Amino acid sequence: MGPRAFSLVGSGLVKIVKNYTHTLSVPYTLLATMNFHKGVAMGTEWMADGKCREYPAGTFFPRDGIGVIRAQKICATCPVAAQCLEYALANHVDHGVWGGKSERERRRLARSRRRSAPNPS
């Protein structure tokens, strides 16, 4: 099945993203990172299954270390944490907790992957 069309409505800090089967509350900061092309969201269907949907968006954009730990505990039980982390790494998302990793942890992981990647010569 190909990508699904999404419509965007809402105001304030959250927009409502609707597709054929789900309605998602998406923080504007997340929405800015989503790969939209002519009204179609690419590769984000997994977001509908995220554990984060059960919590306020601010939970995953904490202001302190305690908030990061709280978000990471939620991510630890999420069925799509691996896809979430890969999405954040691929799209260079530099804010919030994604796939159970903080901004700093994702930077370290990305750096490590770059170092271990084969050198095209």
Foldseek 3Di string as FASTA:
>chain_A
DAFWFWDWDDDDQWIWIDTDPDIATDGPLVVVLFDDDPRTTHPCPCVRQFLCRVDPPVLFQDDDPVSLVSVLVSLVPGPCLVVQLVSCLVSVRQGGAGSSDGNVRSVVVNVVCVVPDDDDD
